Amino acid sequence: MTYMEPAYAKLNLSLDILGRRPDGYHELRMVMQSIDLADQVAVSVTAEAGRRVTTDLPYLPRDEGNIAARAAAQFFASAGVAPEGLAIDIRKRIPVCAGMAGGSSDAAAVLRVLRTAYAPQMPLDRLEEAGALVGSDVPYCIRGGTALAEGRGERLRGLPPLPPCWIVVCKPACSLSTPELFSLVQVKKLRCHPNTAELLTALEEQDLEGVARRMYNVFEDVLPRRYGEVFSIKSELLGLGALGASMTGSGPTVFGVFSDRAAAARAAEAMSGQYPAVFLCRPVEYAERRG
């Protein structure tokens, strides 16, 4: 039997870095949002041992080096289920190295599939705990929707959904190094931080303009000058009518939030002539909040 599962991209409505943890990671506070840009993940049981991964991008790992395969191994270990041979096929739509958790979302899709197939009684909390052993963004990608993520990203709290809107997502050709950006962060020298409390209030009040005004990513404060294209995209989206715009994750992808579909479509069309990956998206809310 083959199980099909969408792997939705994530955006950071906000990303704040609070300090360095004793374990070497950074303490984060982020408001995350799923959007309907998605990879398609298929998982099949095979007679062969191990986990084989196929993708439509030839440069991605096809063995245990792929995070989706590691997620499968972790599921069997965490669920106490005897491992079976799996064939995992991933059709990519989420850009790679884009700050949109494409790999983590593929891993989360595999975990959701295996829970359905082997351990439907497993609480969502336990599945998220297994995901945290695979990658920091994986627990959120298992849960999806609108959520506050803290710690490394593994401590999650569901939030009221983002009000209905349209989102234009734009990835420039450049790529950013996550370790490099973290190495540049000196928390005491950060000039701006997102006002997470007011952002949460705006979500509670279903105030889309209030949410858009409070979107911010502290990585923008430490971007090397050679990545000025990120700020150019933000300015262009705002000039095209976005209520707010921000970089997601460690970038370089930038997104703008629009209340009007026609304006968002015009913006996406204008941006697509300049940048290699532009998408017109909507927010996604997962049906399951807790297991």
C-alpha atoms as a PDB file:
ATOM      1  CA  MET A   1       0.000   0.000   0.000  1.00  0.00           C
ATOM      2  CA  THR A   2       1.181   3.521  -0.790  1.00  0.00           C
ATOM      3  CA  TYR A   3       0.368   6.463   1.479  1.00  0.00           C
ATOM      4  CA  MET A   4       0.323   9.980   0.022  1.00  0.00           C
ATOM      5  CA  GLU A   5       0.876  13.018   2.235  1.00  0.00           C
ATOM      6  CA  PRO A   6       1.392  16.722   1.490  1.00  0.00           C
ATOM      7  CA  ALA A   7       4.413  18.372   3.101  1.00  0.00           C
ATOM      8  CA  TYR A   8       3.492  22.026   3.567  1.00  0.00           C
ATOM      9  CA  ALA A   9       6.036  24.844   3.576  1.00  0.00           C
ATOM     10  CA  LYS A  10       6.320  27.029   6.659  1.00  0.00           C
ATOM     11  CA  LEU A  11       6.801  30.752   7.044  1.00  0.00           C
ATOM     12  CA  ASN A  12       8.033  32.680  10.069  1.00  0.00           C
ATOM     13  CA  LEU A  13       5.590  35.472  10.859  1.00  0.00           C
ATOM     14  CA  SER A  14       8.236  36.354  13.433  1.00  0.00           C
ATOM     15  CA  LEU A  15      11.618  35.009  14.488  1.00  0.00           C
ATOM     16  CA  ASP A  16      13.339  36.173  17.667  1.00  0.00           C
ATOM     17  CA  ILE A  17      16.602  34.968  19.211  1.00  0.00           C
ATOM     18  CA  LEU A  18      16.676  35.323  22.986  1.00  0.00           C
ATOM     19  CA  GLY A  19      20.125  33.995  23.830  1.00  0.00           C
ATOM     20  CA  ARG A  20      22.538  31.072  23.709  1.00  0.00           C
ATOM     21  CA  ARG A  21      21.612  27.839  25.485  1.00  0.00           C
ATOM     22  CA  PRO A  22      23.987  25.660  27.518  1.00  0.00           C
ATOM     23  CA  ASP A  23      23.663  22.936  24.854  1.00  0.00           C
ATOM     24  CA  GLY A  24      25.077  25.277  22.204  1.00  0.00           C
ATOM     25  CA  TYR A  25      21.768  25.953  20.462  1.00  0.00           C
ATOM     26  CA  HIS A  26      20.016  29.328  20.495  1.00  0.00           C
ATOM     27  CA  GLU A  27      16.848  30.008  22.467  1.00  0.00           C
ATOM     28  CA  LEU A  28      14.207  30.999  19.917  1.00  0.00           C
ATOM     29  CA  ARG A  29      10.708  32.427  19.958  1.00  0.00           C
ATOM     30  CA  MET A  30       8.893  32.201  16.642  1.00  0.00           C
ATOM     31  CA  VAL A  31       5.392  32.480  15.264  1.00  0.00           C
ATOM     32  CA  MET A  32       5.065  29.926  12.481  1.00  0.00           C
ATOM     33  CA  GLN A  33       2.527  29.535   9.681  1.00  0.00           C
ATOM     34  CA  SER A  34       1.884  26.762   7.151  1.00  0.00           C
ATOM     35  CA  ILE A  35       1.080  27.704   3.560  1.00  0.00           C
ATOM     36  CA  ASP A  36      -0.364  25.671   0.704  1.00  0.00           C
ATOM     37  CA  LEU A  37       2.925  25.427  -1.190  1.00  0.00           C
ATOM     38  CA  ALA A  38       3.718  21.748  -0.650  1.00  0.00           C
ATOM     39  CA  ASP A  39       5.927  18.843  -1.623  1.00  0.00           C
ATOM     40  CA  GLN A  40       4.152  15.545  -2.242  1.00  0.00           C
ATOM     41  CA  VAL A  41       5.458  12.579  -0.247  1.00  0.00           C
ATOM     42  CA  ALA A  42       4.602   8.947  -1.027  1.00  0.00           C
ATOM     43  CA  VAL A  43       5.563   6.127   1.354  1.00  0.00           C
ATOM     44  CA  SER A  44       5.336   2.436   0.374  1.00  0.00           C
ATOM     45  CA  VAL A  45       6.316  -0.744   2.202  1.00  0.00           C
ATOM     46  CA  THR A  46       8.853  -2.827   0.249  1.00  0.00           C
ATOM     47  CA  ALA A  47      10.291  -6.314   0.513  1.00  0.00           C
ATOM     48  CA  GLU A  48      13.796  -4.843   0.690  1.00  0.00           C
ATOM     49  CA  ALA A  49      15.267  -3.865   4.047  1.00  0.00           C
ATOM     50  CA  GLY A  50      16.175  -0.272   4.737  1.00  0.00           C
ATOM     51  CA  ARG A  51      14.757   2.975   3.469  1.00  0.00           C
ATOM     52  CA  ARG A  52      15.197   4.090  -0.121  1.00  0.00           C
ATOM     53  CA  VAL A  53      14.422   7.684  -1.127  1.00  0.00           C
ATOM     54  CA  THR A  54      13.693   8.927  -4.623  1.00  0.00           C
ATOM     55  CA  THR A  55      13.138  12.566  -5.565  1.00  0.00           C
ATOM     56  CA  ASP A  56      12.775  14.652  -8.683  1.00  0.00           C
ATOM     57  CA  LEU A  57      15.890  16.627  -7.688  1.00  0.00           C
ATOM     58  CA  PRO A  58      18.958  14.521  -8.536  1.00  0.00           C
ATOM     59  CA  TYR A  59      21.275  16.231  -6.053  1.00  0.00           C
ATOM     60  CA  LEU A  60      19.248  15.314  -2.934  1.00  0.00           C
ATOM     61  CA  PRO A  61      20.407  12.271  -0.882  1.00  0.00           C
ATOM     62  CA  ARG A  62      18.643   9.002  -1.686  1.00  0.00           C
ATOM     63  CA  ASP A  63      19.687   7.013   1.369  1.00  0.00           C
ATOM     64  CA  GLU A  64      19.878   7.509   5.129  1.00  0.00           C
ATOM     65  CA  GLY A  65      21.479  10.878   4.440  1.00  0.00           C
ATOM     66  CA  ASN A  66      18.023  12.193   3.537  1.00  0.00           C
ATOM     67  CA  ILE A  67      16.153  13.613   6.526  1.00  0.00           C
ATOM     68  CA  ALA A  68      12.984  11.786   5.412  1.00  0.00           C
ATOM     69  CA  ALA A  69      14.781   8.431   5.754  1.00  0.00           C
ATOM     70  CA  ARG A  70      16.162   9.427   9.150  1.00  0.00           C
ATOM     71  CA  ALA A  71      12.635  10.346  10.236  1.00  0.00           C
ATOM     72  CA  ALA A  72      11.400   6.869   9.308  1.00  0.00           C
ATOM     73  CA  ALA A  73      14.192   5.221  11.310  1.00  0.00           C
ATOM     74  CA  GLN A  74      13.397   7.427  14.305  1.00  0.00           C
ATOM     75  CA  PHE A  75       9.687   6.604  14.092  1.00  0.00           C
ATOM     76  CA  PHE A  76      10.285   2.862  14.326  1.00  0.00           C
ATOM     77  CA  ALA A  77      12.671   3.382  17.253  1.00  0.00           C
ATOM     78  CA  SER A  78      10.308   5.735  19.120  1.00  0.00           C
ATOM     79  CA  ALA A  79       7.152   3.703  18.464  1.00  0.00           C
ATOM     80  CA  GLY A  80       8.778   0.388  19.378  1.00  0.00           C
ATOM     81  CA  VAL A  81       7.715  -1.067  16.035  1.00  0.00           C
ATOM     82  CA  ALA A  82       9.882  -3.512  14.106  1.00  0.00           C
ATOM     83  CA  PRO A  83      11.300  -1.560  11.147  1.00  0.00           C
ATOM     84  CA  GLU A  84      10.136  -2.438   7.654  1.00  0.00           C
ATOM     85  CA  GLY A  85      11.606  -1.655   4.285  1.00  0.00           C
ATOM     86  CA  LEU A  86      10.256   1.585   2.886  1.00  0.00           C
ATOM     87  CA  ALA A  87      10.309   3.377  -0.429  1.00  0.00           C
ATOM     88  CA  ILE A  88       9.901   7.136   0.063  1.00  0.00           C
ATOM     89  CA  ASP A  89       9.261   9.276  -3.005  1.00  0.00           C
ATOM     90  CA  ILE A  90       9.370  13.076  -2.743  1.00  0.00           C
ATOM     91  CA  ARG A  91       8.143  15.421  -5.465  1.00  0.00           C
ATOM     92  CA  LYS A  92       9.617  18.830  -4.623  1.00  0.00           C
ATOM     93  CA  ARG A  93       7.818  22.144  -4.994  1.00  0.00           C
ATOM     94  CA  ILE A  94       9.231  23.917  -1.935  1.00  0.00           C
ATOM     95  CA  PRO A  95      12.549  25.533  -2.939  1.00  0.00           C
ATOM     96  CA  VAL A  96      15.647  24.006  -1.371  1.00  0.00           C
ATOM     97  CA  CYS A  97      17.719  26.092   1.084  1.00  0.00           C
ATOM     98  CA  ALA A  98      14.960  28.681   1.240  1.00  0.00           C
ATOM     99  CA  GLY A  99      14.174  29.058   4.958  1.00  0.00           C
ATOM    100  CA  MET A 100      10.817  27.316   4.410  1.00  0.00           C
ATOM    101  CA  ALA A 101      11.558  23.986   6.169  1.00  0.00           C
ATOM    102  CA  GLY A 102      11.204  21.938   2.993  1.00  0.00           C
ATOM    103  CA  GLY A 103      13.307  19.026   4.249  1.00  0.00           C
ATOM    104  CA  SER A 104      11.799  19.159   7.727  1.00  0.00           C
ATOM    105  CA  SER A 105       8.314  19.162   6.252  1.00  0.00           C
ATOM    106  CA  ASP A 106       9.136  16.076   4.160  1.00  0.00           C
ATOM    107  CA  ALA A 107      10.370  14.357   7.335  1.00  0.00           C
ATOM    108  CA  ALA A 108       7.197  15.375   9.174  1.00  0.00           C
ATOM    109  CA  ALA A 109       5.036  14.001   6.364  1.00  0.00           C
ATOM    110  CA  VAL A 110       6.811  10.641   6.664  1.00  0.00           C
ATOM    111  CA  LEU A 111       6.238  10.632  10.433  1.00  0.00           C
ATOM    112  CA  ARG A 112       2.533  11.411  10.019  1.00  0.00           C
ATOM    113  CA  VAL A 113       2.165   8.611   7.448  1.00  0.00           C
ATOM    114  CA  LEU A 114       3.925   6.040   9.626  1.00  0.00           C
ATOM    115  CA  ARG A 115       1.857   7.009  12.644  1.00  0.00           C
ATOM    116  CA  THR A 116      -1.314   6.404  10.587  1.00  0.00           C
ATOM    117  CA  ALA A 117      -0.016   3.073   9.307  1.00  0.00           C
ATOM    118  CA  TYR A 118       1.615   1.623  12.426  1.00  0.00           C
ATOM    119  CA  ALA A 119       0.594   3.505  15.572  1.00  0.00           C
ATOM    120  CA  PRO A 120      -2.638   5.479  15.111  1.00  0.00           C
ATOM    121  CA  GLN A 121      -3.030   5.564  18.896  1.00  0.00           C
ATOM    122  CA  MET A 122       0.254   7.470  19.337  1.00  0.00           C
ATOM    123  CA  PRO A 123      -0.473  10.950  20.787  1.00  0.00           C
ATOM    124  CA  LEU A 124       0.610  13.886  18.693  1.00  0.00           C
ATOM    125  CA  ASP A 125       2.925  14.987  21.509  1.00  0.00           C
ATOM    126  CA  ARG A 126       4.918  11.759  21.235  1.00  0.00           C
ATOM    127  CA  LEU A 127       5.170  12.063  17.472  1.00  0.00           C
ATOM    128  CA  GLU A 128       6.472  15.608  17.899  1.00  0.00           C
ATOM    129  CA  GLU A 129       9.021  14.350  20.434  1.00  0.00           C
ATOM    130  CA  ALA A 130      10.245  11.833  17.870  1.00  0.00           C
ATOM    131  CA  GLY A 131      10.413  14.623  15.305  1.00  0.00           C
ATOM    132  CA  ALA A 132      12.556  16.771  17.610  1.00  0.00           C
ATOM    133  CA  LEU A 133      15.202  14.030  17.501  1.00  0.00           C
ATOM    134  CA  VAL A 134      15.316  14.417  13.710  1.00  0.00           C
ATOM    135  CA  GLY A 135      15.414  18.216  13.376  1.00  0.00           C
ATOM    136  CA  SER A 136      14.428  21.408  15.179  1.00  0.00           C
ATOM    137  CA  ASP A 137      11.677  22.378  12.698  1.00  0.00           C
ATOM    138  CA  VAL A 138      10.198  18.886  12.424  1.00  0.00           C
ATOM    139  CA  PRO A 139       7.854  19.086  15.471  1.00  0.00           C
ATOM    140  CA  TYR A 140       6.244  22.237  14.091  1.00  0.00           C
ATOM    141  CA  CYS A 141       5.957  20.711  10.617  1.00  0.00           C
ATOM    142  CA  ILE A 142       4.159  17.714  12.144  1.00  0.00           C
ATOM    143  CA  ARG A 143       1.627  20.020  13.781  1.00  0.00           C
ATOM    144  CA  GLY A 144       1.386  22.786  11.190  1.00  0.00           C
ATOM    145  CA  GLY A 145      -1.102  25.623  11.138  1.00  0.00           C
ATOM    146  CA  THR A 146      -0.387  28.717  13.226  1.00  0.00           C
ATOM    147  CA  ALA A 147       1.792  28.118  16.293  1.00  0.00           C
ATOM    148  CA  LEU A 148       4.198  29.699  18.738  1.00  0.00           C
ATOM    149  CA  ALA A 149       7.487  27.758  18.760  1.00  0.00           C
ATOM    150  CA  GLU A 150      10.036  28.187  21.535  1.00  0.00           C
ATOM    151  CA  GLY A 151      13.250  26.528  22.705  1.00  0.00           C
ATOM    152  CA  ARG A 152      14.978  25.138  19.622  1.00  0.00           C
ATOM    153  CA  GLY A 153      11.534  25.136  18.042  1.00  0.00           C
ATOM    154  CA  GLU A 154      10.298  21.972  19.750  1.00  0.00           C
ATOM    155  CA  ARG A 155       8.049  23.645  22.373  1.00  0.00           C
ATOM    156  CA  LEU A 156       4.792  24.426  20.598  1.00  0.00           C
ATOM    157  CA  ARG A 157       1.546  26.180  21.405  1.00  0.00           C
ATOM    158  CA  GLY A 158      -1.309  26.365  18.946  1.00  0.00           C
ATOM    159  CA  LEU A 159      -2.520  29.855  18.087  1.00  0.00           C
ATOM    160  CA  PRO A 160      -5.643  31.308  16.479  1.00  0.00           C
ATOM    161  CA  PRO A 161      -5.359  30.958  12.707  1.00  0.00           C
ATOM    162  CA  LEU A 162      -3.949  33.687  10.528  1.00  0.00           C
ATOM    163  CA  PRO A 163      -6.934  35.662   9.186  1.00  0.00           C
ATOM    164  CA  PRO A 164      -7.876  34.899   5.566  1.00  0.00           C
ATOM    165  CA  CYS A 165      -5.292  36.427   3.252  1.00  0.00           C
ATOM    166  CA  TRP A 166      -3.037  35.865   0.257  1.00  0.00           C
ATOM    167  CA  ILE A 167       0.714  35.495   0.520  1.00  0.00           C
ATOM    168  CA  VAL A 168       3.287  36.167  -2.195  1.00  0.00           C
ATOM    169  CA  VAL A 169       6.476  34.167  -1.622  1.00  0.00           C
ATOM    170  CA  CYS A 170       9.647  35.156  -3.455  1.00  0.00           C
ATOM    171  CA  LYS A 171      13.010  33.367  -3.342  1.00  0.00           C
ATOM    172  CA  PRO A 172      15.989  35.080  -4.982  1.00  0.00           C
ATOM    173  CA  ALA A 173      18.710  33.060  -6.671  1.00  0.00           C
ATOM    174  CA  CYS A 174      21.169  33.441  -3.767  1.00  0.00           C
ATOM    175  CA  SER A 175      21.391  31.056  -0.817  1.00  0.00           C
ATOM    176  CA  LEU A 176      22.155  31.829   2.821  1.00  0.00           C
ATOM    177  CA  SER A 177      24.094  29.712   5.301  1.00  0.00           C
ATOM    178  CA  THR A 178      22.141  29.104   8.514  1.00  0.00           C
ATOM    179  CA  PRO A 179      25.288  28.396  10.574  1.00  0.00           C
ATOM    180  CA  GLU A 180      26.872  31.592   9.218  1.00  0.00           C
ATOM    181  CA  LEU A 181      23.872  33.701  10.224  1.00  0.00           C
ATOM    182  CA  PHE A 182      23.742  32.210  13.713  1.00  0.00           C
ATOM    183  CA  SER A 183      27.471  32.880  14.074  1.00  0.00           C
ATOM    184  CA  LEU A 184      26.830  36.569  13.319  1.00  0.00           C
ATOM    185  CA  VAL A 185      24.143  36.960  15.988  1.00  0.00           C
ATOM    186  CA  GLN A 186      25.124  38.822  19.139  1.00  0.00           C
ATOM    187  CA  VAL A 187      21.869  39.034  21.032  1.00  0.00           C
ATOM    188  CA  LYS A 188      22.836  42.083  23.105  1.00  0.00           C
ATOM    189  CA  LYS A 189      23.657  44.003  19.918  1.00  0.00           C
ATOM    190  CA  LEU A 190      20.462  43.223  18.034  1.00  0.00           C
ATOM    191  CA  ARG A 191      18.766  46.533  17.281  1.00  0.00           C
ATOM    192  CA  CYS A 192      15.245  45.249  16.675  1.00  0.00           C
ATOM    193  CA  HIS A 193      13.125  42.430  18.009  1.00  0.00           C
ATOM    194  CA  PRO A 194       9.619  41.406  16.973  1.00  0.00           C
ATOM    195  CA  ASN A 195       6.893  42.391  19.407  1.00  0.00           C
ATOM    196  CA  THR A 196       5.663  38.839  19.852  1.00  0.00           C
ATOM    197  CA  ALA A 197       3.096  39.743  22.516  1.00  0.00           C
ATOM    198  CA  GLU A 198       1.374  42.261  20.239  1.00  0.00           C
ATOM    199  CA  LEU A 199       1.570  39.834  17.317  1.00  0.00           C
ATOM    200  CA  LEU A 200      -0.225  37.211  19.403  1.00  0.00           C
ATOM    201  CA  THR A 201      -2.850  39.782  20.385  1.00  0.00           C
ATOM    202  CA  ALA A 202      -3.406  40.649  16.732  1.00  0.00           C
ATOM    203  CA  LEU A 203      -3.960  36.961  15.972  1.00  0.00           C
ATOM    204  CA  GLU A 204      -6.407  36.697  18.881  1.00  0.00           C
ATOM    205  CA  GLU A 205      -8.303  39.695  17.525  1.00  0.00           C
ATOM    206  CA  GLN A 206      -8.102  38.412  13.922  1.00  0.00           C
ATOM    207  CA  ASP A 207      -6.496  41.700  12.925  1.00  0.00           C
ATOM    208  CA  LEU A 208      -4.642  40.958   9.684  1.00  0.00           C
ATOM    209  CA  GLU A 209      -3.152  44.436   9.388  1.00  0.00           C
ATOM    210  CA  GLY A 210      -1.963  44.211  12.990  1.00  0.00           C
ATOM    211  CA  VAL A 211      -0.277  40.880  12.274  1.00  0.00           C
ATOM    212  CA  ALA A 212       1.363  42.187   9.109  1.00  0.00           C
ATOM    213  CA  ARG A 213       2.715  45.309  10.849  1.00  0.00           C
ATOM    214  CA  ARG A 214       4.375  43.194  13.547  1.00  0.00           C
ATOM    215  CA  MET A 215       6.103  40.625  11.340  1.00  0.00           C
ATOM    216  CA  TYR A 216       9.877  40.695  11.819  1.00  0.00           C
ATOM    217  CA  ASN A 217      12.854  38.346  11.625  1.00  0.00           C
ATOM    218  CA  VAL A 218      15.947  39.237  13.675  1.00  0.00           C
ATOM    219  CA  PHE A 219      18.201  37.573  11.110  1.00  0.00           C
ATOM    220  CA  GLU A 220      17.508  40.613   8.920  1.00  0.00           C
ATOM    221  CA  ASP A 221      19.522  42.606  11.466  1.00  0.00           C
ATOM    222  CA  VAL A 222      22.696  40.602  10.791  1.00  0.00           C
ATOM    223  CA  LEU A 223      22.462  39.911   7.058  1.00  0.00           C
ATOM    224  CA  PRO A 224      25.783  40.552   5.299  1.00  0.00           C
ATOM    225  CA  ARG A 225      25.618  43.413   2.819  1.00  0.00           C
ATOM    226  CA  ARG A 226      25.957  41.038  -0.120  1.00  0.00           C
ATOM    227  CA  TYR A 227      22.395  39.879   0.566  1.00  0.00           C
ATOM    228  CA  GLY A 228      20.824  43.273  -0.007  1.00  0.00           C
ATOM    229  CA  GLU A 229      18.441  41.628  -2.468  1.00  0.00           C
ATOM    230  CA  VAL A 230      16.375  40.487   0.515  1.00  0.00           C
ATOM    231  CA  PHE A 231      15.578  44.098   1.398  1.00  0.00           C
ATOM    232  CA  SER A 232      14.926  44.968  -2.236  1.00  0.00           C
ATOM    233  CA  ILE A 233      12.274  42.248  -2.404  1.00  0.00           C
ATOM    234  CA  LYS A 234      10.673  43.486   0.834  1.00  0.00           C
ATOM    235  CA  SER A 235      10.485  47.021  -0.565  1.00  0.00           C
ATOM    236  CA  GLU A 236       9.027  45.810  -3.855  1.00  0.00           C
ATOM    237  CA  LEU A 237       6.330  43.755  -2.146  1.00  0.00           C
ATOM    238  CA  LEU A 238       5.348  46.670   0.070  1.00  0.00           C
ATOM    239  CA  GLY A 239       5.274  48.935  -2.958  1.00  0.00           C
ATOM    240  CA  LEU A 240       2.976  46.463  -4.693  1.00  0.00           C
ATOM    241  CA  GLY A 241       0.451  46.632  -1.846  1.00  0.00           C
ATOM    242  CA  ALA A 242       1.573  44.108   0.763  1.00  0.00           C
ATOM    243  CA  LEU A 243       0.348  44.906   4.269  1.00  0.00           C
ATOM    244  CA  GLY A 244       3.697  43.667   5.578  1.00  0.00           C
ATOM    245  CA  ALA A 245       6.725  41.724   4.362  1.00  0.00           C
ATOM    246  CA  SER A 246       9.470  39.736   6.059  1.00  0.00           C
ATOM    247  CA  MET A 247      12.195  37.174   5.477  1.00  0.00           C
ATOM    248  CA  THR A 248      11.373  33.639   6.609  1.00  0.00           C
ATOM    249  CA  GLY A 249      13.716  31.422   8.616  1.00  0.00           C
ATOM    250  CA  SER A 250      17.358  31.918   7.741  1.00  0.00           C
ATOM    251  CA  GLY A 251      16.294  33.145   4.308  1.00  0.00           C
ATOM    252  CA  PRO A 252      16.722  34.205   1.672  1.00  0.00           C
ATOM    253  CA  THR A 253      13.009  33.796   0.881  1.00  0.00           C
ATOM    254  CA  VAL A 254      10.819  36.853   1.508  1.00  0.00           C
ATOM    255  CA  PHE A 255       7.026  36.890   1.691  1.00  0.00           C
ATOM    256  CA  GLY A 256       4.378  39.587   1.635  1.00  0.00           C
ATOM    257  CA  VAL A 257       0.869  39.388   3.118  1.00  0.00           C
ATOM    258  CA  PHE A 258      -2.067  40.765   1.098  1.00  0.00           C
ATOM    259  CA  SER A 259      -5.718  41.133   2.013  1.00  0.00           C
ATOM    260  CA  ASP A 260      -6.836  41.194  -1.641  1.00  0.00           C
ATOM    261  CA  ARG A 261      -6.313  38.321  -4.092  1.00  0.00           C
ATOM    262  CA  ALA A 262      -6.171  40.530  -7.168  1.00  0.00           C
ATOM    263  CA  ALA A 263      -3.441  42.708  -5.672  1.00  0.00           C
ATOM    264  CA  ALA A 264      -1.496  39.620  -4.590  1.00  0.00           C
ATOM    265  CA  ALA A 265      -1.784  38.093  -8.065  1.00  0.00           C
ATOM    266  CA  ARG A 266      -0.534  41.311  -9.670  1.00  0.00           C
ATOM    267  CA  ALA A 267       2.388  41.391  -7.268  1.00  0.00           C
ATOM    268  CA  ALA A 268       3.267  37.751  -7.948  1.00  0.00           C
ATOM    269  CA  GLU A 269       3.191  38.387 -11.684  1.00  0.00           C
ATOM    270  CA  ALA A 270       5.408  41.458 -11.335  1.00  0.00           C
ATOM    271  CA  MET A 271       7.929  39.621  -9.154  1.00  0.00           C
ATOM    272  CA  SER A 272       8.037  36.502 -11.322  1.00  0.00           C
ATOM    273  CA  GLY A 273       9.717  38.447 -14.097  1.00  0.00           C
ATOM    274  CA  GLN A 274      12.661  39.224 -11.804  1.00  0.00           C
ATOM    275  CA  TYR A 275      13.142  36.226  -9.519  1.00  0.00           C
ATOM    276  CA  PRO A 276      13.387  32.477 -10.198  1.00  0.00           C
ATOM    277  CA  ALA A 277      10.861  31.217  -7.638  1.00  0.00           C
ATOM    278  CA  VAL A 278       7.649  33.162  -6.949  1.00  0.00           C
ATOM    279  CA  PHE A 279       4.464  31.616  -5.534  1.00  0.00           C
ATOM    280  CA  LEU A 280       0.961  32.874  -4.773  1.00  0.00           C
ATOM    281  CA  CYS A 281      -0.146  31.062  -1.620  1.00  0.00           C
ATOM    282  CA  ARG A 282      -2.746  30.880   1.118  1.00  0.00           C
ATOM    283  CA  PRO A 283      -2.419  29.918   4.802  1.00  0.00           C
ATOM    284  CA  VAL A 284      -3.124  26.300   5.770  1.00  0.00           C
ATOM    285  CA  GLU A 285      -4.562  25.119   9.081  1.00  0.00           C
ATOM    286  CA  TYR A 286      -4.101  21.474  10.044  1.00  0.00           C
ATOM    287  CA  ALA A 287      -7.210  19.752  11.362  1.00  0.00           C
ATOM    288  CA  GLU A 288      -5.492  18.001  14.260  1.00  0.00           C
ATOM    289  CA  ARG A 289      -4.210  20.178  17.078  1.00  0.00           C
ATOM    290  CA  ARG A 290      -3.474  17.643  19.796  1.00  0.00           C
ATOM    291  CA  GLY A 291      -3.355  13.873  19.872  1.00  0.00           C
END
